[in-house]
Structure formats: C-alpha cells, structure tokens
C-alpha cells in the first residue's frame, strides 16, 4: 500500500482515488489508475473532492489545495481499515467526517493545525475533543505509531511515503 504511493510519487503520478475495495481487487501486476493524474512542478490546481469521503484529509474537507501529504493521510486511513476491518473515519458528510477525525485525533488548534485559521468556515464553534492515545484499539504499537505519523493535522509534519517505508512497522 505505501509502496504504491511511493511508486506513484517516483513515477510522477498521483493516485486520487484510494477506495479500499479497489485496492483489495488490485494485484501486483495491475493497479487501478482510474482517477490518476500526472504530477509535477508546479502543482496544478485540482478539485478538493479528490478522494472518497472516508479517506479525505481534514485540510481537503476545509478547502485546502492538493499536496502530496493528502495521499499519505488516505493511505493511513486505508492501512488502519485493512488491519482492523473497520473504517476509521466513516462520516456521511464533510462535517460528520471532521467530527469523527476530531474524536480520534482531538479537535485541532492553531498549534496542531497551523492552516486552520486560513481555511473556510467558523472553527471556533467546533466541539472540543481530546486526542485518543491509540488511533484504533486493534492496532499494534508499531502500526499505531505509523498511523499517528501519517495522520498529523499539520501536513508539513506528516510522514512522507519514503519516511513511512523506513518505519519500524515494515521491519
């Protein structure tokens, strides 16, 4: 899974549809590139609705432009789902998805999510939740640590594909 994202970035492609059902149907010799787009510098503007609701990073929900870190958020959500057989953030709307994220990771602040004040909407009225100590009760400590590094609100601090591949979870 992380290999696919890593290969995508190396091969100059971005996978924008990360549905688990599609992933489970893929084999090593065949991949679903249905919503893939070329990726290069400078970054082109993409729609913010680039991925299935359950795997959208909070910055996407709040209207931010695409960055490669968004894919790592999606990969983390899918990894947790594959390891636990449960969708991590199964919201039915953007606000319910945000609140499910907040219940696990805590309600973001300017410290944990620097771009929050620049995003759309009134964030001062978000319910306040404290971060859980574990992303999911069924994850091993190593899998939990990797998921936490890929699910940071601050996308500039989120693990890259290369960093994820170097994590002890894959040792």
N, C-alpha and C. Protein backbone atom coordinates (compact mmCIF):
# COMPACT_ATOMS: atom_id res chain seq x y z
N UNK A 1 0.84 -1.18 0.00
CA UNK A 1 0.00 0.00 0.00
C UNK A 1 0.88 1.24 0.00
N UNK A 2 1.79 1.39 0.95
CA UNK A 2 2.65 2.56 0.95
C UNK A 2 3.59 2.46 -0.24
N UNK A 3 3.97 1.24 -0.63
CA UNK A 3 4.80 1.08 -1.82
C UNK A 3 4.12 1.71 -3.03
N UNK A 4 2.81 1.51 -3.17
CA UNK A 4 2.08 2.07 -4.30
C UNK A 4 2.13 3.58 -4.31
N UNK A 5 1.96 4.21 -3.15
CA UNK A 5 2.03 5.66 -3.07
C UNK A 5 3.45 6.12 -3.37
N UNK A 6 4.44 5.41 -2.84
CA UNK A 6 5.83 5.76 -3.08
C UNK A 6 6.15 5.64 -4.57
N UNK A 7 5.75 4.54 -5.19
CA UNK A 7 5.99 4.35 -6.61
C UNK A 7 5.26 5.42 -7.40
N UNK A 8 4.04 5.76 -6.97
CA UNK A 8 3.28 6.80 -7.66
C UNK A 8 4.04 8.11 -7.65
N UNK A 9 4.62 8.47 -6.51
CA UNK A 9 5.34 9.74 -6.45
C UNK A 9 6.62 9.69 -7.26
N UNK A 10 7.30 8.56 -7.26
CA UNK A 10 8.53 8.43 -8.03
C UNK A 10 8.23 8.45 -9.52
N UNK A 11 7.12 7.84 -9.92
CA UNK A 11 6.77 7.76 -11.35
C UNK A 11 6.02 8.98 -11.82
N UNK A 12 5.89 10.01 -11.00
CA UNK A 12 5.29 11.26 -11.40
C UNK A 12 3.77 11.15 -11.59
N UNK A 13 3.12 10.31 -10.79
CA UNK A 13 1.67 10.17 -10.81
C UNK A 13 1.13 10.34 -9.41
N UNK A 14 -0.11 10.80 -9.32
CA UNK A 14 -0.77 10.92 -8.04
C UNK A 14 -2.06 10.13 -8.08
N UNK A 15 -2.23 9.23 -7.15
CA UNK A 15 -3.44 8.42 -7.05
C UNK A 15 -4.45 9.22 -6.27
N UNK A 16 -5.56 9.57 -6.87
CA UNK A 16 -6.53 10.40 -6.18
C UNK A 16 -7.78 9.63 -5.78
N UNK A 17 -7.87 8.37 -6.12
CA UNK A 17 -9.00 7.56 -5.68
C UNK A 17 -8.44 6.39 -4.90
N UNK A 18 -8.61 6.41 -3.59
CA UNK A 18 -7.97 5.41 -2.74
C UNK A 18 -9.00 4.50 -2.08
N UNK A 19 -9.99 4.07 -2.80
CA UNK A 19 -11.02 3.23 -2.20
C UNK A 19 -10.45 1.87 -1.86
N UNK A 20 -10.73 1.39 -0.67
CA UNK A 20 -10.22 0.10 -0.22
C UNK A 20 -10.70 -1.02 -1.13
N UNK A 21 -11.95 -0.97 -1.57
CA UNK A 21 -12.46 -2.03 -2.43
C UNK A 21 -11.64 -2.13 -3.71
N UNK A 22 -11.22 -0.99 -4.27
CA UNK A 22 -10.37 -1.02 -5.45
C UNK A 22 -9.00 -1.59 -5.11
N UNK A 23 -8.47 -1.19 -3.96
CA UNK A 23 -7.15 -1.68 -3.56
C UNK A 23 -7.16 -3.19 -3.39
N UNK A 24 -8.20 -3.72 -2.75
CA UNK A 24 -8.26 -5.15 -2.50
C UNK A 24 -8.38 -5.95 -3.79
N UNK A 25 -8.89 -5.34 -4.84
CA UNK A 25 -9.04 -6.03 -6.12
C UNK A 25 -7.77 -5.96 -6.96
N UNK A 26 -6.82 -5.11 -6.59
CA UNK A 26 -5.59 -4.97 -7.35
C UNK A 26 -4.67 -6.16 -7.11
N UNK A 27 -3.87 -6.48 -8.10
CA UNK A 27 -2.82 -7.47 -7.93
C UNK A 27 -1.50 -6.75 -8.10
N UNK A 28 -0.42 -7.47 -7.90
CA UNK A 28 0.89 -6.83 -8.04
C UNK A 28 1.13 -6.38 -9.48
N UNK A 29 0.52 -7.03 -10.44
CA UNK A 29 0.78 -6.67 -11.83
C UNK A 29 -0.25 -5.70 -12.40
N UNK A 30 -1.30 -5.36 -11.63
CA UNK A 30 -2.35 -4.49 -12.16
C UNK A 30 -2.78 -3.52 -11.08
N UNK A 31 -2.90 -2.25 -11.43
CA UNK A 31 -3.33 -1.23 -10.49
C UNK A 31 -4.46 -0.43 -11.09
N UNK A 32 -5.31 0.12 -10.22
CA UNK A 32 -6.42 0.97 -10.65
C UNK A 32 -5.92 2.40 -10.72
N UNK A 33 -5.79 2.93 -11.93
CA UNK A 33 -5.33 4.30 -12.12
C UNK A 33 -6.48 5.17 -12.64
N UNK A 34 -7.72 4.81 -12.31
CA UNK A 34 -8.90 5.48 -12.83
C UNK A 34 -8.93 6.98 -12.63
N UNK A 35 -8.52 7.47 -11.48
CA UNK A 35 -8.51 8.91 -11.23
C UNK A 35 -7.09 9.45 -11.08
N UNK A 36 -6.12 8.73 -11.61
CA UNK A 36 -4.73 9.17 -11.53
C UNK A 36 -4.52 10.39 -12.41
N UNK A 37 -3.61 11.23 -12.00
CA UNK A 37 -3.27 12.42 -12.78
C UNK A 37 -1.77 12.56 -12.78
N UNK A 38 -1.25 13.19 -13.82
CA UNK A 38 0.18 13.45 -13.83
C UNK A 38 0.49 14.45 -12.72
N UNK A 39 1.65 14.35 -12.20
CA UNK A 39 2.05 15.16 -11.07
C UNK A 39 3.41 15.75 -11.38
N UNK A 40 3.55 17.03 -11.21
CA UNK A 40 4.84 17.65 -11.47
C UNK A 40 4.92 19.00 -10.81
N UNK A 41 5.93 19.70 -11.18
CA UNK A 41 6.14 21.01 -10.61
C UNK A 41 5.98 22.02 -11.73
N UNK A 42 5.23 23.05 -11.56
CA UNK A 42 4.47 23.40 -10.36
C UNK A 42 3.20 22.56 -10.25
N UNK A 43 2.68 22.50 -9.02
CA UNK A 43 1.44 21.75 -8.79
C UNK A 43 0.29 22.44 -9.50
N UNK A 44 -0.50 21.65 -10.20
CA UNK A 44 -1.70 22.19 -10.82
C UNK A 44 -2.82 22.22 -9.79
N UNK A 45 -3.84 23.01 -10.03
CA UNK A 45 -4.98 23.09 -9.13
C UNK A 45 -5.92 21.94 -9.43
N UNK A 46 -6.28 21.18 -8.39
CA UNK A 46 -7.22 20.08 -8.51
C UNK A 46 -8.44 20.38 -7.66
N UNK A 47 -9.55 19.72 -7.97
CA UNK A 47 -10.73 19.83 -7.14
C UNK A 47 -10.40 19.29 -5.75
N UNK A 48 -11.02 19.84 -4.72
CA UNK A 48 -10.71 19.35 -3.37
C UNK A 48 -11.45 18.05 -3.07
N UNK A 49 -12.34 17.64 -3.94
CA UNK A 49 -13.06 16.39 -3.73
C UNK A 49 -12.33 15.27 -4.49
N UNK A 50 -11.09 15.03 -4.10
CA UNK A 50 -10.23 14.12 -4.83
C UNK A 50 -10.28 12.69 -4.33
N UNK A 51 -10.95 12.45 -3.26
CA UNK A 51 -10.87 11.12 -2.67
C UNK A 51 -12.18 10.80 -1.95
N UNK A 52 -12.46 9.52 -1.77
CA UNK A 52 -13.66 9.09 -1.06
C UNK A 52 -13.73 9.77 0.30
N UNK A 53 -14.93 10.17 0.70
CA UNK A 53 -15.14 10.93 1.94
C UNK A 53 -14.41 10.34 3.14
N UNK A 54 -14.44 9.04 3.29
CA UNK A 54 -13.86 8.41 4.48
C UNK A 54 -12.35 8.57 4.56
N UNK A 55 -11.70 8.87 3.45
CA UNK A 55 -10.25 8.94 3.41
C UNK A 55 -9.74 10.36 3.18
N UNK A 56 -10.61 11.34 3.23
CA UNK A 56 -10.21 12.73 2.98
C UNK A 56 -9.49 13.32 4.18
N UNK A 57 -8.39 13.96 3.91
CA UNK A 57 -7.65 14.67 4.96
C UNK A 57 -8.47 15.89 5.38
N UNK A 58 -8.35 16.30 6.64
CA UNK A 58 -9.14 17.44 7.11
C UNK A 58 -8.88 18.72 6.32
N UNK A 59 -7.66 18.91 5.85
CA UNK A 59 -7.39 20.13 5.09
C UNK A 59 -8.15 20.13 3.76
N UNK A 60 -8.39 18.95 3.20
CA UNK A 60 -9.18 18.86 1.97
C UNK A 60 -10.63 19.21 2.27
N UNK A 61 -11.16 18.66 3.35
CA UNK A 61 -12.54 18.95 3.74
C UNK A 61 -12.72 20.44 3.98
N UNK A 62 -11.69 21.08 4.52
CA UNK A 62 -11.77 22.51 4.84
C UNK A 62 -11.37 23.40 3.67
N UNK A 63 -11.16 22.82 2.49
CA UNK A 63 -10.97 23.62 1.28
C UNK A 63 -9.55 23.89 0.86
N UNK A 64 -8.56 23.21 1.44
CA UNK A 64 -7.16 23.45 1.06
C UNK A 64 -6.87 22.86 -0.32
N UNK A 65 -5.83 23.36 -0.94
CA UNK A 65 -5.38 22.83 -2.23
C UNK A 65 -4.65 21.51 -2.01
N UNK A 66 -4.58 20.75 -3.09
CA UNK A 66 -3.92 19.45 -3.04
C UNK A 66 -2.43 19.57 -2.76
N UNK A 67 -1.93 18.68 -1.91
CA UNK A 67 -0.49 18.47 -1.72
C UNK A 67 -0.28 16.96 -1.62
N UNK A 68 0.91 16.47 -1.87
CA UNK A 68 1.16 15.02 -1.76
C UNK A 68 0.87 14.46 -0.36
N UNK A 69 0.95 15.29 0.68
CA UNK A 69 0.68 14.82 2.04
C UNK A 69 -0.76 14.32 2.19
N UNK A 70 -1.66 14.81 1.36
CA UNK A 70 -3.05 14.36 1.40
C UNK A 70 -3.14 12.88 1.10
N UNK A 71 -2.32 12.40 0.17
CA UNK A 71 -2.32 10.98 -0.17
C UNK A 71 -1.88 10.13 1.01
N UNK A 72 -0.92 10.62 1.79
CA UNK A 72 -0.45 9.85 2.94
C UNK A 72 -1.53 9.73 4.00
N UNK A 73 -2.34 10.77 4.17
CA UNK A 73 -3.49 10.68 5.07
C UNK A 73 -4.40 9.54 4.61
N UNK A 74 -4.71 9.52 3.33
CA UNK A 74 -5.59 8.48 2.78
C UNK A 74 -4.99 7.10 2.96
N UNK A 75 -3.69 6.98 2.71
CA UNK A 75 -3.01 5.69 2.88
C UNK A 75 -3.12 5.23 4.33
N UNK A 76 -2.96 6.14 5.28
CA UNK A 76 -3.07 5.77 6.69
C UNK A 76 -4.49 5.27 7.02
N UNK A 77 -5.49 5.96 6.51
CA UNK A 77 -6.88 5.53 6.75
C UNK A 77 -7.12 4.13 6.19
N UNK A 78 -6.60 3.88 5.00
CA UNK A 78 -6.77 2.58 4.37
C UNK A 78 -5.98 1.51 5.11
N UNK A 79 -4.76 1.85 5.55
CA UNK A 79 -3.96 0.90 6.31
C UNK A 79 -4.70 0.47 7.57
N UNK A 80 -5.25 1.42 8.31
CA UNK A 80 -5.99 1.10 9.53
C UNK A 80 -7.19 0.22 9.19
N UNK A 81 -7.88 0.55 8.12
CA UNK A 81 -9.04 -0.25 7.73
C UNK A 81 -8.65 -1.68 7.37
N UNK A 82 -7.56 -1.85 6.64
CA UNK A 82 -7.11 -3.18 6.27
C UNK A 82 -6.68 -4.00 7.49
N UNK A 83 -6.08 -3.34 8.47
CA UNK A 83 -5.60 -4.03 9.67
C UNK A 83 -6.70 -4.32 10.68
N UNK A 84 -7.78 -3.56 10.65
CA UNK A 84 -8.81 -3.69 11.70
C UNK A 84 -10.18 -4.11 11.17
N UNK A 85 -10.35 -4.12 9.86
CA UNK A 85 -11.65 -4.39 9.23
C UNK A 85 -12.71 -3.38 9.63
N UNK A 86 -12.29 -2.16 9.98
CA UNK A 86 -13.22 -1.08 10.32
C UNK A 86 -12.76 0.21 9.65
N UNK A 87 -13.73 0.96 9.12
CA UNK A 87 -13.41 2.27 8.55
C UNK A 87 -13.07 3.20 9.71
N UNK A 88 -11.97 3.90 9.61
CA UNK A 88 -11.51 4.75 10.71
C UNK A 88 -12.39 5.99 10.87
N UNK A 89 -12.65 6.69 9.79
CA UNK A 89 -13.44 7.93 9.85
C UNK A 89 -14.63 7.82 8.89
N UNK A 90 -15.65 7.08 9.28
CA UNK A 90 -16.76 6.76 8.38
C UNK A 90 -17.87 7.81 8.41
N UNK A 91 -17.53 9.03 8.12
CA UNK A 91 -18.52 10.10 8.10
C UNK A 91 -19.42 10.03 6.88
N UNK A 92 -20.65 10.50 7.04
CA UNK A 92 -21.60 10.50 5.93
C UNK A 92 -21.66 11.87 5.25
N UNK A 93 -20.98 12.85 5.83
CA UNK A 93 -20.92 14.20 5.27
C UNK A 93 -19.57 14.79 5.66
N UNK A 94 -19.26 15.96 5.13
CA UNK A 94 -17.99 16.58 5.47
C UNK A 94 -17.89 16.88 6.96
N UNK A 95 -18.95 17.44 7.54
CA UNK A 95 -18.89 17.79 8.96
C UNK A 95 -18.85 16.55 9.84
N UNK A 96 -19.59 15.50 9.48
CA UNK A 96 -19.53 14.29 10.30
C UNK A 96 -18.16 13.63 10.17
N UNK A 97 -17.53 13.72 8.99
CA UNK A 97 -16.17 13.19 8.83
C UNK A 97 -15.19 13.97 9.70
N UNK A 98 -15.30 15.30 9.69
CA UNK A 98 -14.42 16.12 10.54
C UNK A 98 -14.59 15.74 12.00
N UNK A 99 -15.83 15.61 12.46
CA UNK A 99 -16.07 15.30 13.86
C UNK A 99 -15.55 13.91 14.22
N UNK A 100 -15.61 12.96 13.31
CA UNK A 100 -15.05 11.62 13.57
C UNK A 100 -13.52 11.71 13.68
N UNK A 101 -12.93 12.53 12.83
CA UNK A 101 -11.48 12.75 12.91
C UNK A 101 -11.13 13.39 14.25
N UNK A 102 -11.89 14.41 14.64
CA UNK A 102 -11.62 15.13 15.89
C UNK A 102 -11.75 14.21 17.10
N UNK A 103 -12.71 13.29 17.08
CA UNK A 103 -12.90 12.37 18.21
C UNK A 103 -11.69 11.48 18.43
N UNK A 104 -10.99 11.14 17.35
CA UNK A 104 -9.80 10.29 17.46
C UNK A 104 -8.54 11.12 17.70
N UNK A 105 -8.37 12.18 16.93
CA UNK A 105 -7.12 12.95 16.98
C UNK A 105 -7.20 14.19 17.87
N UNK A 106 -8.40 14.48 18.40
CA UNK A 106 -8.60 15.69 19.17
C UNK A 106 -8.97 16.85 18.25
N UNK A 107 -9.69 17.80 18.78
CA UNK A 107 -10.05 18.99 17.99
C UNK A 107 -8.76 19.78 17.74
N UNK A 108 -8.50 20.14 16.49
CA UNK A 108 -7.25 20.83 16.18
C UNK A 108 -7.21 22.25 16.75
N UNK A 109 -6.00 22.69 16.99
CA UNK A 109 -5.74 24.07 17.43
C UNK A 109 -4.80 24.70 16.41
N UNK A 110 -4.51 25.97 16.59
CA UNK A 110 -3.54 26.64 15.70
C UNK A 110 -2.16 25.98 15.81
N UNK A 111 -1.84 25.41 16.97
CA UNK A 111 -0.55 24.74 17.12
C UNK A 111 -0.49 23.43 16.34
N UNK A 112 -1.57 22.63 16.41
CA UNK A 112 -1.56 21.33 15.76
C UNK A 112 -1.94 21.39 14.29
N UNK A 113 -2.63 22.47 13.89
CA UNK A 113 -3.13 22.62 12.52
C UNK A 113 -2.98 24.07 12.11
N UNK A 114 -1.74 24.50 11.77
CA UNK A 114 -1.46 25.92 11.50
C UNK A 114 -2.34 26.57 10.43
N UNK A 115 -2.80 25.81 9.46
CA UNK A 115 -3.60 26.38 8.38
C UNK A 115 -5.09 26.47 8.73
N UNK A 116 -5.46 26.10 9.93
CA UNK A 116 -6.87 26.09 10.32
C UNK A 116 -7.53 27.45 10.17
N UNK A 117 -6.86 28.50 10.62
CA UNK A 117 -7.47 29.83 10.57
C UNK A 117 -7.64 30.35 9.15
N UNK A 118 -6.85 29.81 8.21
CA UNK A 118 -6.95 30.24 6.82
C UNK A 118 -7.97 29.43 6.02
N UNK A 119 -8.52 28.38 6.62
CA UNK A 119 -9.47 27.55 5.89
C UNK A 119 -10.88 28.11 6.00
N UNK A 120 -11.77 27.55 5.20
CA UNK A 120 -13.15 28.01 5.14
C UNK A 120 -13.90 27.66 6.43
N UNK A 121 -14.87 28.48 6.81
CA UNK A 121 -15.75 28.14 7.92
C UNK A 121 -15.37 28.78 9.24
N UNK A 122 -16.26 28.62 10.22
CA UNK A 122 -16.06 29.17 11.56
C UNK A 122 -15.62 28.04 12.49
N UNK A 123 -14.34 28.00 12.81
CA UNK A 123 -13.78 26.88 13.56
C UNK A 123 -13.88 27.06 15.07
N UNK A 124 -14.22 28.26 15.51
CA UNK A 124 -14.31 28.50 16.95
C UNK A 124 -15.49 27.77 17.57
N UNK A 125 -16.43 27.31 16.74
CA UNK A 125 -17.60 26.63 17.25
C UNK A 125 -17.51 25.11 17.16
N UNK A 126 -16.34 24.57 16.80
CA UNK A 126 -16.17 23.12 16.77
C UNK A 126 -16.26 22.58 18.18
N UNK A 127 -16.92 21.43 18.37
CA UNK A 127 -16.89 20.77 19.69
C UNK A 127 -15.44 20.44 20.04
N UNK A 128 -15.14 20.41 21.31
CA UNK A 128 -13.77 20.15 21.76
C UNK A 128 -13.61 18.70 22.22
N UNK A 129 -12.75 17.96 21.54
CA UNK A 129 -12.43 16.59 21.92
C UNK A 129 -10.94 16.50 22.20
N UNK A 130 -10.56 15.64 23.14
CA UNK A 130 -9.15 15.38 23.40
C UNK A 130 -8.72 14.18 22.56
N UNK A 131 -7.46 14.17 22.17
CA UNK A 131 -6.93 13.09 21.34
C UNK A 131 -6.92 11.78 22.11
N UNK A 132 -7.29 10.70 21.42
CA UNK A 132 -7.20 9.36 21.99
C UNK A 132 -5.73 8.96 22.03
N UNK A 133 -5.39 8.06 22.92
CA UNK A 133 -3.99 7.62 23.00
C UNK A 133 -3.64 6.63 21.88
N UNK A 134 -4.64 5.96 21.35
CA UNK A 134 -4.44 4.99 20.28
C UNK A 134 -5.37 5.33 19.12
N UNK A 135 -4.88 5.25 17.91
CA UNK A 135 -5.71 5.51 16.73
C UNK A 135 -6.86 4.52 16.68
N UNK A 136 -6.57 3.25 16.93
CA UNK A 136 -7.58 2.18 16.95
C UNK A 136 -7.12 1.12 17.94
N UNK A 137 -8.06 0.61 18.70
CA UNK A 137 -7.74 -0.35 19.77
C UNK A 137 -7.09 -1.64 19.27
N UNK A 138 -7.31 -2.01 18.01
CA UNK A 138 -6.78 -3.28 17.49
C UNK A 138 -5.42 -3.15 16.80
N UNK A 139 -4.86 -1.97 16.75
CA UNK A 139 -3.56 -1.79 16.11
C UNK A 139 -2.43 -2.15 17.07
N UNK A 140 -1.37 -2.74 16.53
CA UNK A 140 -0.17 -2.95 17.33
C UNK A 140 0.45 -1.59 17.63
N UNK A 141 1.35 -1.54 18.58
CA UNK A 141 2.01 -0.28 18.91
C UNK A 141 2.74 0.30 17.70
N UNK A 142 3.39 -0.56 16.93
CA UNK A 142 4.13 -0.10 15.76
C UNK A 142 3.18 0.43 14.68
N UNK A 143 2.10 -0.28 14.43
CA UNK A 143 1.12 0.19 13.43
C UNK A 143 0.47 1.49 13.90
N UNK A 144 0.19 1.59 15.19
CA UNK A 144 -0.39 2.82 15.74
C UNK A 144 0.57 3.99 15.57
N UNK A 145 1.85 3.77 15.84
CA UNK A 145 2.84 4.83 15.70
C UNK A 145 2.93 5.31 14.25
N UNK A 146 2.94 4.37 13.31
CA UNK A 146 2.99 4.74 11.89
C UNK A 146 1.73 5.52 11.51
N UNK A 147 0.58 5.04 11.92
CA UNK A 147 -0.68 5.73 11.60
C UNK A 147 -0.67 7.14 12.18
N UNK A 148 -0.20 7.29 13.42
CA UNK A 148 -0.16 8.62 14.03
C UNK A 148 0.74 9.57 13.25
N UNK A 149 1.84 9.07 12.72
CA UNK A 149 2.76 9.92 11.95
C UNK A 149 2.18 10.31 10.59
N UNK A 150 1.26 9.49 10.09
CA UNK A 150 0.65 9.78 8.79
C UNK A 150 -0.67 10.54 8.94
N UNK A 151 -1.17 10.65 10.16
CA UNK A 151 -2.44 11.32 10.41
C UNK A 151 -2.26 12.61 11.22
N UNK A 152 -1.18 13.30 11.00
CA UNK A 152 -0.98 14.58 11.67
C UNK A 152 -1.80 15.66 10.97
N UNK A 153 -2.38 16.56 11.75
CA UNK A 153 -3.12 17.68 11.15
C UNK A 153 -2.20 18.56 10.31
N UNK A 154 -1.02 18.83 10.81
CA UNK A 154 -0.06 19.68 10.11
C UNK A 154 0.57 18.86 8.98
N UNK A 155 0.12 19.10 7.76
CA UNK A 155 0.58 18.28 6.64
C UNK A 155 2.08 18.43 6.38
N UNK A 156 2.68 19.53 6.81
CA UNK A 156 4.12 19.70 6.61
C UNK A 156 4.92 18.80 7.56
N UNK A 157 4.28 18.30 8.60
CA UNK A 157 4.95 17.39 9.55
C UNK A 157 4.53 15.94 9.34
N UNK A 158 3.55 15.72 8.48
CA UNK A 158 3.05 14.38 8.20
C UNK A 158 4.15 13.56 7.54
N UNK A 159 4.24 12.27 7.87
CA UNK A 159 5.25 11.40 7.27
C UNK A 159 5.08 11.37 5.76
N UNK A 160 6.21 11.37 5.07
CA UNK A 160 6.19 11.21 3.62
C UNK A 160 6.15 9.71 3.32
N UNK A 161 5.94 9.36 2.06
CA UNK A 161 5.93 7.95 1.67
C UNK A 161 7.28 7.30 1.98
N UNK A 162 8.36 8.00 1.69
CA UNK A 162 9.70 7.46 1.96
C UNK A 162 9.90 7.24 3.46
N UNK A 163 9.48 8.20 4.27
CA UNK A 163 9.61 8.05 5.72
C UNK A 163 8.75 6.91 6.23
N UNK A 164 7.54 6.78 5.68
CA UNK A 164 6.67 5.67 6.09
C UNK A 164 7.31 4.33 5.79
N UNK A 165 7.92 4.21 4.64
CA UNK A 165 8.57 2.95 4.26
C UNK A 165 9.75 2.60 5.15
N UNK A 166 10.36 3.61 5.75
CA UNK A 166 11.51 3.39 6.65
C UNK A 166 11.05 3.10 8.09
N UNK A 167 9.75 3.18 8.37
CA UNK A 167 9.22 2.99 9.72
C UNK A 167 9.44 1.55 10.19
N UNK A 168 9.59 1.38 11.48
CA UNK A 168 9.83 0.05 12.07
C UNK A 168 8.69 -0.93 11.81
N UNK A 169 7.50 -0.44 11.49
CA UNK A 169 6.37 -1.32 11.19
C UNK A 169 6.72 -2.26 10.03
N UNK A 170 7.50 -1.77 9.08
CA UNK A 170 7.86 -2.57 7.90
C UNK A 170 9.14 -3.37 8.10
N UNK A 171 9.73 -3.31 9.28
CA UNK A 171 11.00 -4.03 9.53
C UNK A 171 10.77 -5.54 9.65
